[in-house]
C-alpha atoms as a PDB file:
ATOM      1  CA  MET A   1    -105.645 -24.094-183.635  1.00  0.00           C
ATOM      2  CA  TYR A   2    -108.215 -23.942-180.458  1.00  0.00           C
ATOM      3  CA  PHE A   3    -109.988 -26.864-180.830  1.00  0.00           C
ATOM      4  CA  TYR A   4    -106.624 -28.592-180.982  1.00  0.00           C
ATOM      5  CA  ARG A   5    -105.283 -26.960-177.699  1.00  0.00           C
ATOM      6  CA  LEU A   6    -109.528 -28.046-176.177  1.00  0.00           C
ATOM      7  CA  SER A   7    -108.899 -31.756-176.983  1.00  0.00           C
ATOM      8  CA  TYR A   8    -105.019 -31.601-176.121  1.00  0.00           C
ATOM      9  CA  LEU A   9    -106.683 -29.888-172.687  1.00  0.00           C
ATOM     10  CA  LEU A  10    -108.980 -32.795-172.411  1.00  0.00           C
ATOM     11  CA  SER A  11    -107.283 -35.809-173.034  1.00  0.00           C
ATOM     12  CA  LEU A  12    -104.702 -34.762-170.230  1.00  0.00           C
ATOM     13  CA  PHE A  13    -107.423 -34.285-168.158  1.00  0.00           C
ATOM     14  CA  ASP A  14    -108.626 -37.388-169.118  1.00  0.00           C
ATOM     15  CA  ILE A  15    -104.577 -38.850-168.282  1.00  0.00           C
ATOM     16  CA  VAL A  16    -104.519 -37.504-164.804  1.00  0.00           C
ATOM     17  CA  TYR A  17    -107.656 -39.061-163.946  1.00  0.00           C
ATOM     18  CA  LEU A  18    -107.062 -42.099-164.938  1.00  0.00           C
ATOM     19  CA  VAL A  19    -103.626 -42.082-163.253  1.00  0.00           C
ATOM     20  CA  TYR A  20    -105.248 -41.007-160.099  1.00  0.00           C
ATOM     21  CA  TYR A  21    -108.329 -43.354-160.186  1.00  0.00           C
ATOM     22  CA  THR A  22    -105.599 -46.713-160.980  1.00  0.00           C
ATOM     23  CA  ALA A  23    -103.565 -45.237-158.557  1.00  0.00           C
ATOM     24  CA  PHE A  24    -105.862 -44.278-154.961  1.00  0.00           C
ATOM     25  CA  MET A  25    -109.316 -45.899-156.146  1.00  0.00           C
ATOM     26  CA  SER A  26    -109.969 -49.332-154.864  1.00  0.00           C
ATOM     27  CA  PRO A  27    -110.549 -51.183-158.391  1.00  0.00           C
ATOM     28  CA  SER A  28    -113.602 -53.508-156.692  1.00  0.00           C
ATOM     29  CA  THR A  29    -115.533 -50.222-155.146  1.00  0.00           C
ATOM     30  CA  GLY A  30    -114.286 -47.028-157.037  1.00  0.00           C
ATOM     31  CA  ARG A  31    -113.633 -45.704-153.729  1.00  0.00           C
ATOM     32  CA  ARG A  32    -110.211 -44.649-151.659  1.00  0.00           C
ATOM     33  CA  PRO A  33    -108.833 -47.668-149.506  1.00  0.00           C
ATOM     34  CA  GLY A  34    -109.409 -47.598-146.076  1.00  0.00           C
ATOM     35  CA  LEU A  35    -112.077 -45.092-146.061  1.00  0.00           C
ATOM     36  CA  THR A  36    -115.941 -46.311-144.699  1.00  0.00           C
ATOM     37  CA  PRO A  37    -118.874 -45.600-147.514  1.00  0.00           C
ATOM     38  CA  ASN A  38    -121.062 -42.705-146.906  1.00  0.00           C
ATOM     39  CA  ILE A  39    -124.317 -44.265-145.510  1.00  0.00           C
ATOM     40  CA  SER A  40    -127.303 -41.788-145.758  1.00  0.00           C
ATOM     41  CA  ILE A  41    -130.445 -42.931-142.548  1.00  0.00           C
ATOM     42  CA  ARG A  42    -133.409 -41.148-141.485  1.00  0.00           C
ATOM     43  CA  LEU A  43    -134.077 -40.206-138.155  1.00  0.00           C
ATOM     44  CA  ASP A  44    -136.882 -38.117-136.403  1.00  0.00           C
ATOM     45  CA  ARG A  45    -135.716 -34.641-135.083  1.00  0.00           C
ATOM     46  CA  ASP A  46    -135.998 -35.801-131.840  1.00  0.00           C
ATOM     47  CA  VAL A  47    -133.960 -38.857-131.815  1.00  0.00           C
ATOM     48  CA  TYR A  48    -130.892 -36.543-134.210  1.00  0.00           C
ATOM     49  CA  GLN A  49    -131.008 -33.265-131.234  1.00  0.00           C
ATOM     50  CA  GLN A  50    -130.422 -36.199-128.633  1.00  0.00           C
ATOM     51  CA  ALA A  51    -128.273 -37.709-130.276  1.00  0.00           C
ATOM     52  CA  ARG A  52    -126.263 -34.496-131.081  1.00  0.00           C
ATOM     53  CA  VAL A  53    -126.174 -32.933-127.772  1.00  0.00           C
ATOM     54  CA  ALA A  54    -124.858 -36.331-126.642  1.00  0.00           C
ATOM     55  CA  SER A  55    -121.868 -36.720-128.919  1.00  0.00           C
ATOM     56  CA  VAL A  56    -121.054 -32.956-128.260  1.00  0.00           C
ATOM     57  CA  ILE A  57    -120.937 -33.594-124.878  1.00  0.00           C
ATOM     58  CA  SER A  58    -118.957 -36.829-125.041  1.00  0.00           C
ATOM     59  CA  ARG A  59    -116.530 -34.786-127.374  1.00  0.00           C
ATOM     60  CA  LYS A  60    -116.812 -36.935-130.511  1.00  0.00           C
ATOM     61  CA  THR A  61    -118.236 -36.874-133.729  1.00  0.00           C
ATOM     62  CA  ILE A  62    -121.449 -37.647-134.110  1.00  0.00           C
ATOM     63  CA  GLY A  63    -120.659 -40.409-136.884  1.00  0.00           C
ATOM     64  CA  LYS A  64    -118.290 -41.926-133.843  1.00  0.00           C
ATOM     65  CA  TRP A  65    -120.786 -41.892-131.274  1.00  0.00           C
ATOM     66  CA  LEU A  66    -123.569 -43.147-133.714  1.00  0.00           C
ATOM     67  CA  VAL A  67    -121.519 -46.438-133.702  1.00  0.00           C
ATOM     68  CA  GLU A  68    -120.698 -46.766-130.211  1.00  0.00           C
ATOM     69  CA  ALA A  69    -124.512 -46.276-129.502  1.00  0.00           C
ATOM     70  CA  ILE A  70    -124.502 -49.049-132.278  1.00  0.00           C
ATOM     71  CA  GLN A  71    -121.996 -51.048-130.992  1.00  0.00           C
ATOM     72  CA  GLU A  72    -123.223 -51.495-127.601  1.00  0.00           C
ATOM     73  CA  LYS A  73    -126.954 -51.941-128.772  1.00  0.00           C
ATOM     74  CA  ILE A  74    -125.786 -55.211-130.729  1.00  0.00           C
ATOM     75  CA  ALA A  75    -123.376 -56.139-127.681  1.00  0.00           C
ATOM     76  CA  ARG A  76    -126.864 -55.421-125.911  1.00  0.00           C
ATOM     77  CA  GLU A  77    -129.409 -57.844-128.168  1.00  0.00           C
ATOM     78  CA  LYS A  78    -126.011 -60.698-128.212  1.00  0.00           C
ATOM     79  CA  GLU A  79    -126.536 -61.342-124.397  1.00  0.00           C
ATOM     80  CA  ALA A  80    -129.895 -60.390-124.161  1.00  0.00           C
ATOM     81  CA  ASN A  81    -130.748 -63.717-126.479  1.00  0.00           C
ATOM     82  CA  PRO A  82    -127.234 -66.491-126.528  1.00  0.00           C
ATOM     83  CA  ASN A  83    -128.488 -68.354-129.278  1.00  0.00           C
ATOM     84  CA  GLU A  84    -129.548 -65.771-131.908  1.00  0.00           C
END
């Protein structure tokens, strides 16, 4: 009797998971749509601290601050090398 209840709960969990997964996850990536992926990057501690301080001063998250910094760097390089 106990095993039957346990198997019923597992199958109920599986059904709930599948409903959630098919309703809220993208079929191609398995992520929720509209969210950017999380990535890991390695930074020198000093560079990280400088970026963190700059992001706090500008009242932004470090992720948003880094995105803006990367976009500015790409724009500067395009201006410096318009042929590429």
